Amino acid sequence: MRKKIISLLMGFLMVLSTSIPAYALDMWGADEDIVSYNSYNGSYYVSSYSTNTSFNTSFYSAVDEACYQWNNALPISIYSSSFNYALSYIYGGTFNQLSPYFPTLTTGDAGITVAVRGSLVDTVSYNGSTKEIYKLLSGAKAGIVEIDGFQYLPNYCTNVALHEMGHMFGWCGHSSFPWNVMYEHVSSLITLSSVDRGHLFQIYDAYYS
């Protein structure tokens, strides 16, 4: 999933289901009717291709902060691991450095996350509409893009890291409101809102084991 500096284009394939929703959700924060969850732990490997010391300092610190906040938001263990033992991977670098590893990355993207969903697990309801729940088949691969002048955008790396890690753990679509980290545009927010946290927590709380 990519988070764009100006706008973000989403493209998830939706699988139609005729099953009757099993129960009603307490909340829904996304602008799409699907959500995923990881059936494994939240281990990740983090590395940067950048040679910019300032960016790298911000990048690694931002990923640590995102890990801390999502660890406190979800009922799973989220932690940094070595390359061979990690479930997901988070990379930093310029567009040219990251684009070979993220073919759908475009100029103007601040971040991108690629994850693979399995088959439909369940359908539930919220406010009269049907929501679809999927299990992630494996971990995700995320990128945080070093842009010119990033240091002049308050909290750029932390905001993008929090956002992309949300996609890593199954948030599909985005929030329509700028006071949430999962909003589609980069902002100066560096704290997950109750909507950011609650949207995924309810899914993990019900399905993760």
C-alpha atoms as a PDB file:
ATOM      1  CA  MET A   1       0.000   0.000   0.000  1.00  0.00           C
ATOM      2  CA  ARG A   2       1.492   3.322  -0.889  1.00  0.00           C
ATOM      3  CA  LYS A   3       1.039   6.566   0.938  1.00  0.00           C
ATOM      4  CA  LYS A   4       1.419   9.484  -1.441  1.00  0.00           C
ATOM      5  CA  ILE A   5       2.678  12.951  -0.621  1.00  0.00           C
ATOM      6  CA  ILE A   6      -0.174  14.508  -2.589  1.00  0.00           C
ATOM      7  CA  SER A   7      -2.573  11.656  -3.294  1.00  0.00           C
ATOM      8  CA  LEU A   8      -2.678   7.887  -2.895  1.00  0.00           C
ATOM      9  CA  LEU A   9      -4.079   5.402  -5.340  1.00  0.00           C
ATOM     10  CA  MET A  10      -5.393   2.114  -3.997  1.00  0.00           C
ATOM     11  CA  GLY A  11      -6.038  -1.056  -5.917  1.00  0.00           C
ATOM     12  CA  PHE A  12      -7.297  -4.039  -3.977  1.00  0.00           C
ATOM     13  CA  LEU A  13      -9.161  -6.920  -5.616  1.00  0.00           C
ATOM     14  CA  MET A  14     -12.337  -7.677  -3.722  1.00  0.00           C
ATOM     15  CA  VAL A  15     -13.855 -11.139  -3.503  1.00  0.00           C
ATOM     16  CA  LEU A  16     -17.650 -11.131  -3.367  1.00  0.00           C
ATOM     17  CA  SER A  17     -19.239 -13.266  -0.730  1.00  0.00           C
ATOM     18  CA  THR A  18     -22.827 -14.358  -0.289  1.00  0.00           C
ATOM     19  CA  SER A  19     -22.344 -15.548   3.286  1.00  0.00           C
ATOM     20  CA  ILE A  20     -24.354 -13.946   6.049  1.00  0.00           C
ATOM     21  CA  PRO A  21     -22.340 -11.713   8.387  1.00  0.00           C
ATOM     22  CA  ALA A  22     -21.571 -13.550  11.612  1.00  0.00           C
ATOM     23  CA  TYR A  23     -21.713 -10.560  13.927  1.00  0.00           C
ATOM     24  CA  ALA A  24     -21.578  -6.773  13.985  1.00  0.00           C
ATOM     25  CA  LEU A  25     -18.335  -4.839  14.421  1.00  0.00           C
ATOM     26  CA  ASP A  26     -18.053  -2.100  17.007  1.00  0.00           C
ATOM     27  CA  MET A  27     -16.397   0.330  14.604  1.00  0.00           C
ATOM     28  CA  TRP A  28     -15.018   0.771  11.098  1.00  0.00           C
ATOM     29  CA  GLY A  29     -12.314   3.274  10.218  1.00  0.00           C
ATOM     30  CA  ALA A  30     -11.435   2.523   6.588  1.00  0.00           C
ATOM     31  CA  ASP A  31     -12.832   3.742   3.298  1.00  0.00           C
ATOM     32  CA  GLU A  32     -12.838   0.180   1.938  1.00  0.00           C
ATOM     33  CA  ASP A  33     -14.978  -2.762   3.026  1.00  0.00           C
ATOM     34  CA  ILE A  34     -12.131  -5.226   3.558  1.00  0.00           C
ATOM     35  CA  VAL A  35      -9.569  -5.807   6.284  1.00  0.00           C
ATOM     36  CA  SER A  36      -6.818  -8.369   6.794  1.00  0.00           C
ATOM     37  CA  TYR A  37      -4.957  -9.796   9.745  1.00  0.00           C
ATOM     38  CA  ASN A  38      -1.689 -11.633  10.204  1.00  0.00           C
ATOM     39  CA  SER A  39      -1.911 -15.126  11.641  1.00  0.00           C
ATOM     40  CA  TYR A  40       1.738 -15.047  12.753  1.00  0.00           C
ATOM     41  CA  ASN A  41       3.848 -12.760  14.862  1.00  0.00           C
ATOM     42  CA  GLY A  42       4.908  -9.264  13.870  1.00  0.00           C
ATOM     43  CA  SER A  43       8.627  -9.766  13.308  1.00  0.00           C
ATOM     44  CA  TYR A  44      10.241  -7.456  10.773  1.00  0.00           C
ATOM     45  CA  TYR A  45      13.664  -6.681   9.323  1.00  0.00           C
ATOM     46  CA  VAL A  46      14.556  -3.036   8.745  1.00  0.00           C
ATOM     47  CA  SER A  47      17.255  -1.649   6.446  1.00  0.00           C
ATOM     48  CA  SER A  48      18.005   1.492   4.461  1.00  0.00           C
ATOM     49  CA  TYR A  49      19.599   1.894   1.038  1.00  0.00           C
ATOM     50  CA  SER A  50      20.063   5.624   1.612  1.00  0.00           C
ATOM     51  CA  THR A  51      23.454   7.250   2.053  1.00  0.00           C
ATOM     52  CA  ASN A  52      21.843  10.291   3.689  1.00  0.00           C
ATOM     53  CA  THR A  53      22.805  10.200   7.376  1.00  0.00           C
ATOM     54  CA  SER A  54      20.014  12.572   8.364  1.00  0.00           C
ATOM     55  CA  PHE A  55      17.377  10.473   6.648  1.00  0.00           C
ATOM     56  CA  ASN A  56      18.718   7.223   8.071  1.00  0.00           C
ATOM     57  CA  THR A  57      18.656   8.597  11.610  1.00  0.00           C
ATOM     58  CA  SER A  58      15.032   9.662  11.179  1.00  0.00           C
ATOM     59  CA  PHE A  59      14.101   6.437   9.366  1.00  0.00           C
ATOM     60  CA  TYR A  60      15.378   3.983  11.979  1.00  0.00           C
ATOM     61  CA  SER A  61      13.993   6.059  14.829  1.00  0.00           C
ATOM     62  CA  ALA A  62      10.618   6.265  13.090  1.00  0.00           C
ATOM     63  CA  VAL A  63      10.383   2.503  12.583  1.00  0.00           C
ATOM     64  CA  ASP A  64      11.213   1.945  16.263  1.00  0.00           C
ATOM     65  CA  GLU A  65       8.469   4.350  17.281  1.00  0.00           C
ATOM     66  CA  ALA A  66       5.950   2.770  14.910  1.00  0.00           C
ATOM     67  CA  CYS A  67       6.808  -0.662  16.303  1.00  0.00           C
ATOM     68  CA  TYR A  68       6.292   0.587  19.854  1.00  0.00           C
ATOM     69  CA  GLN A  69       2.892   2.087  19.113  1.00  0.00           C
ATOM     70  CA  TRP A  70       1.508  -0.823  17.094  1.00  0.00           C
ATOM     71  CA  ASN A  71       2.860  -3.239  19.699  1.00  0.00           C
ATOM     72  CA  ASN A  72       0.681  -1.472  22.239  1.00  0.00           C
ATOM     73  CA  ALA A  73      -2.280  -1.347  19.871  1.00  0.00           C
ATOM     74  CA  LEU A  74      -2.506  -4.984  18.756  1.00  0.00           C
ATOM     75  CA  PRO A  75      -2.619  -8.252  20.709  1.00  0.00           C
ATOM     76  CA  ILE A  76       0.436  -9.669  18.923  1.00  0.00           C
ATOM     77  CA  SER A  77       4.165  -9.445  19.498  1.00  0.00           C
ATOM     78  CA  ILE A  78       5.818  -6.947  17.131  1.00  0.00           C
ATOM     79  CA  TYR A  79       9.609  -6.797  17.079  1.00  0.00           C
ATOM     80  CA  SER A  80      12.699  -6.263  14.950  1.00  0.00           C
ATOM     81  CA  SER A  81      14.473  -9.404  13.767  1.00  0.00           C
ATOM     82  CA  SER A  82      17.286 -10.510  11.494  1.00  0.00           C
ATOM     83  CA  PHE A  83      16.759 -10.837   7.758  1.00  0.00           C
ATOM     84  CA  ASN A  84      16.456 -14.630   7.762  1.00  0.00           C
ATOM     85  CA  TYR A  85      13.965 -14.811  10.624  1.00  0.00           C
ATOM     86  CA  ALA A  86      11.753 -11.808   9.912  1.00  0.00           C
ATOM     87  CA  LEU A  87       8.205 -12.136   8.642  1.00  0.00           C
ATOM     88  CA  SER A  88       8.055  -8.655   7.085  1.00  0.00           C
ATOM     89  CA  TYR A  89      10.616  -6.219   5.687  1.00  0.00           C
ATOM     90  CA  ILE A  90      10.827  -2.427   5.928  1.00  0.00           C
ATOM     91  CA  TYR A  91      13.193  -0.508   3.661  1.00  0.00           C
ATOM     92  CA  GLY A  92      14.168   3.128   3.367  1.00  0.00           C
ATOM     93  CA  GLY A  93      15.715   4.965   0.441  1.00  0.00           C
ATOM     94  CA  THR A  94      15.145   7.262  -2.485  1.00  0.00           C
ATOM     95  CA  PHE A  95      12.671   6.523  -5.250  1.00  0.00           C
ATOM     96  CA  ASN A  96      15.468   5.236  -7.490  1.00  0.00           C
ATOM     97  CA  GLN A  97      16.808   3.008  -4.732  1.00  0.00           C
ATOM     98  CA  LEU A  98      13.434   1.497  -3.824  1.00  0.00           C
ATOM     99  CA  SER A  99      11.705   1.249  -7.201  1.00  0.00           C
ATOM    100  CA  PRO A 100      13.522  -1.981  -8.259  1.00  0.00           C
ATOM    101  CA  TYR A 101      12.008  -3.684  -5.208  1.00  0.00           C
ATOM    102  CA  PHE A 102       8.583  -2.040  -5.487  1.00  0.00           C
ATOM    103  CA  PRO A 103       7.574  -2.075  -9.178  1.00  0.00           C
ATOM    104  CA  THR A 104       4.347  -0.142  -8.528  1.00  0.00           C
ATOM    105  CA  LEU A 105       6.103   2.687  -6.684  1.00  0.00           C
ATOM    106  CA  THR A 106       5.578   6.016  -8.442  1.00  0.00           C
ATOM    107  CA  THR A 107       7.125   9.438  -8.039  1.00  0.00           C
ATOM    108  CA  GLY A 108       5.244  11.331  -5.375  1.00  0.00           C
ATOM    109  CA  ASP A 109       4.827   8.285  -3.154  1.00  0.00           C
ATOM    110  CA  ALA A 110       5.977   8.718   0.428  1.00  0.00           C
ATOM    111  CA  GLY A 111       5.599   5.059   1.256  1.00  0.00           C
ATOM    112  CA  ILE A 112       4.349   1.763  -0.098  1.00  0.00           C
ATOM    113  CA  THR A 113       3.372  -1.610   1.341  1.00  0.00           C
ATOM    114  CA  VAL A 114       2.912  -4.861  -0.550  1.00  0.00           C
ATOM    115  CA  ALA A 115       1.123  -7.756   1.144  1.00  0.00           C
ATOM    116  CA  VAL A 116      -0.477 -10.982  -0.089  1.00  0.00           C
ATOM    117  CA  ARG A 117      -3.971 -11.877   1.057  1.00  0.00           C
ATOM    118  CA  GLY A 118      -5.419 -15.354   1.136  1.00  0.00           C
ATOM    119  CA  SER A 119      -9.019 -16.413   0.704  1.00  0.00           C
ATOM    120  CA  LEU A 120     -11.976 -14.867   2.460  1.00  0.00           C
ATOM    121  CA  VAL A 121     -12.130 -15.867   6.142  1.00  0.00           C
ATOM    122  CA  ASP A 122     -15.398 -14.297   7.250  1.00  0.00           C
ATOM    123  CA  THR A 123     -17.973 -11.621   6.576  1.00  0.00           C
ATOM    124  CA  VAL A 124     -19.217  -9.318   9.310  1.00  0.00           C
ATOM    125  CA  SER A 125     -21.437  -6.273   9.396  1.00  0.00           C
ATOM    126  CA  TYR A 126     -21.074  -2.667  10.435  1.00  0.00           C
ATOM    127  CA  ASN A 127     -23.759  -0.028  10.226  1.00  0.00           C
ATOM    128  CA  GLY A 128     -25.783  -2.098   7.805  1.00  0.00           C
ATOM    129  CA  SER A 129     -22.954  -2.876   5.373  1.00  0.00           C
ATOM    130  CA  THR A 130     -20.954  -6.083   4.889  1.00  0.00           C
ATOM    131  CA  LYS A 131     -17.240  -6.140   5.648  1.00  0.00           C
ATOM    132  CA  GLU A 132     -14.884  -8.882   4.465  1.00  0.00           C
ATOM    133  CA  ILE A 133     -12.064 -10.322   6.552  1.00  0.00           C
ATOM    134  CA  TYR A 134      -8.984 -11.983   5.053  1.00  0.00           C
ATOM    135  CA  LYS A 135      -5.907 -13.650   6.485  1.00  0.00           C
ATOM    136  CA  LEU A 136      -2.537 -12.506   5.183  1.00  0.00           C
ATOM    137  CA  LEU A 137      -0.723 -15.413   3.558  1.00  0.00           C
ATOM    138  CA  SER A 138       2.668 -14.126   4.604  1.00  0.00           C
ATOM    139  CA  GLY A 139       4.396 -11.028   5.832  1.00  0.00           C
ATOM    140  CA  ALA A 140       4.562  -7.741   3.965  1.00  0.00           C
ATOM    141  CA  LYS A 141       7.230  -5.601   2.370  1.00  0.00           C
ATOM    142  CA  ALA A 142       7.133  -1.859   3.063  1.00  0.00           C
ATOM    143  CA  GLY A 143       9.149   1.098   1.871  1.00  0.00           C
ATOM    144  CA  ILE A 144       9.606   4.617   3.212  1.00  0.00           C
ATOM    145  CA  VAL A 145      10.766   7.020   0.540  1.00  0.00           C
ATOM    146  CA  GLU A 146      13.459   9.612   1.124  1.00  0.00           C
ATOM    147  CA  ILE A 147      12.275  12.791  -0.588  1.00  0.00           C
ATOM    148  CA  ASP A 148      14.123  16.053  -1.128  1.00  0.00           C
ATOM    149  CA  GLY A 149      13.545  18.315   1.841  1.00  0.00           C
ATOM    150  CA  PHE A 150      12.042  15.553   3.968  1.00  0.00           C
ATOM    151  CA  GLN A 151      13.680  17.130   7.018  1.00  0.00           C
ATOM    152  CA  TYR A 152      11.514  20.219   6.566  1.00  0.00           C
ATOM    153  CA  LEU A 153       8.296  18.191   6.841  1.00  0.00           C
ATOM    154  CA  PRO A 154       7.533  17.793  10.567  1.00  0.00           C
ATOM    155  CA  ASN A 155       7.620  14.164  11.662  1.00  0.00           C
ATOM    156  CA  TYR A 156       7.663  12.902   8.063  1.00  0.00           C
ATOM    157  CA  CYS A 157       9.344   9.535   8.672  1.00  0.00           C
ATOM    158  CA  THR A 158       7.365   8.720  11.809  1.00  0.00           C
ATOM    159  CA  ASN A 159       4.047   9.506  10.172  1.00  0.00           C
ATOM    160  CA  VAL A 160       4.841   7.373   7.129  1.00  0.00           C
ATOM    161  CA  ALA A 161       6.278   4.513   9.214  1.00  0.00           C
ATOM    162  CA  LEU A 162       3.165   4.364  11.401  1.00  0.00           C
ATOM    163  CA  HIS A 163       0.966   4.425   8.304  1.00  0.00           C
ATOM    164  CA  GLU A 164       2.810   1.741   6.365  1.00  0.00           C
ATOM    165  CA  MET A 165       3.109  -0.530   9.393  1.00  0.00           C
ATOM    166  CA  GLY A 166      -0.665  -0.293   9.699  1.00  0.00           C
ATOM    167  CA  HIS A 167      -0.934  -1.632   6.157  1.00  0.00           C
ATOM    168  CA  MET A 168       1.618  -4.335   7.007  1.00  0.00           C
ATOM    169  CA  PHE A 169      -0.742  -5.658   9.656  1.00  0.00           C
ATOM    170  CA  GLY A 170      -3.834  -5.603   7.469  1.00  0.00           C
ATOM    171  CA  TRP A 171      -5.388  -2.147   7.237  1.00  0.00           C
ATOM    172  CA  CYS A 172      -6.858  -1.978   3.720  1.00  0.00           C
ATOM    173  CA  GLY A 173      -7.843   1.382   2.315  1.00  0.00           C
ATOM    174  CA  HIS A 174      -7.437   4.539   4.354  1.00  0.00           C
ATOM    175  CA  SER A 175      -9.137   6.778   6.845  1.00  0.00           C
ATOM    176  CA  SER A 176     -11.102   9.630   5.309  1.00  0.00           C
ATOM    177  CA  PHE A 177     -10.196  11.958   8.177  1.00  0.00           C
ATOM    178  CA  PRO A 178      -6.910  13.856   8.617  1.00  0.00           C
ATOM    179  CA  TRP A 179      -6.772  13.349  12.389  1.00  0.00           C
ATOM    180  CA  ASN A 180      -5.936   9.671  11.845  1.00  0.00           C
ATOM    181  CA  VAL A 181      -2.483   8.345  10.910  1.00  0.00           C
ATOM    182  CA  MET A 182      -4.158   6.073   8.354  1.00  0.00           C
ATOM    183  CA  TYR A 183      -5.319   9.135   6.396  1.00  0.00           C
ATOM    184  CA  GLU A 184      -4.103   8.924   2.799  1.00  0.00           C
ATOM    185  CA  HIS A 185      -1.911  12.058   2.897  1.00  0.00           C
ATOM    186  CA  VAL A 186       1.307  12.646   4.792  1.00  0.00           C
ATOM    187  CA  SER A 187       0.793  14.745   7.900  1.00  0.00           C
ATOM    188  CA  SER A 188       2.652  15.743  11.057  1.00  0.00           C
ATOM    189  CA  LEU A 189       0.727  13.230  13.187  1.00  0.00           C
ATOM    190  CA  ILE A 190       2.960  10.846  15.131  1.00  0.00           C
ATOM    191  CA  THR A 191       0.439   9.168  17.425  1.00  0.00           C
ATOM    192  CA  LEU A 192      -2.081   6.480  16.511  1.00  0.00           C
ATOM    193  CA  SER A 193      -5.643   7.594  17.116  1.00  0.00           C
ATOM    194  CA  SER A 194      -8.334   5.452  18.724  1.00  0.00           C
ATOM    195  CA  VAL A 195      -9.648   4.777  15.210  1.00  0.00           C
ATOM    196  CA  ASP A 196      -6.200   3.779  13.893  1.00  0.00           C
ATOM    197  CA  ARG A 197      -5.810   1.337  16.766  1.00  0.00           C
ATOM    198  CA  GLY A 198      -9.363   0.109  17.128  1.00  0.00           C
ATOM    199  CA  HIS A 199      -9.975  -0.691  13.483  1.00  0.00           C
ATOM    200  CA  LEU A 200      -7.356  -3.464  13.490  1.00  0.00           C
ATOM    201  CA  PHE A 201      -7.527  -4.413  17.168  1.00  0.00           C
ATOM    202  CA  GLN A 202     -11.085  -5.699  16.907  1.00  0.00           C
ATOM    203  CA  ILE A 203     -10.084  -8.006  14.040  1.00  0.00           C
ATOM    204  CA  TYR A 204      -6.975  -9.390  15.763  1.00  0.00           C
ATOM    205  CA  ASP A 205      -8.872  -9.743  19.017  1.00  0.00           C
ATOM    206  CA  ALA A 206     -11.510 -11.888  17.309  1.00  0.00           C
ATOM    207  CA  TYR A 207      -9.446 -13.875  14.765  1.00  0.00           C
ATOM    208  CA  TYR A 208      -5.770 -13.968  15.731  1.00  0.00           C
ATOM    209  CA  SER A 209      -4.598 -17.095  17.480  1.00  0.00           C
END
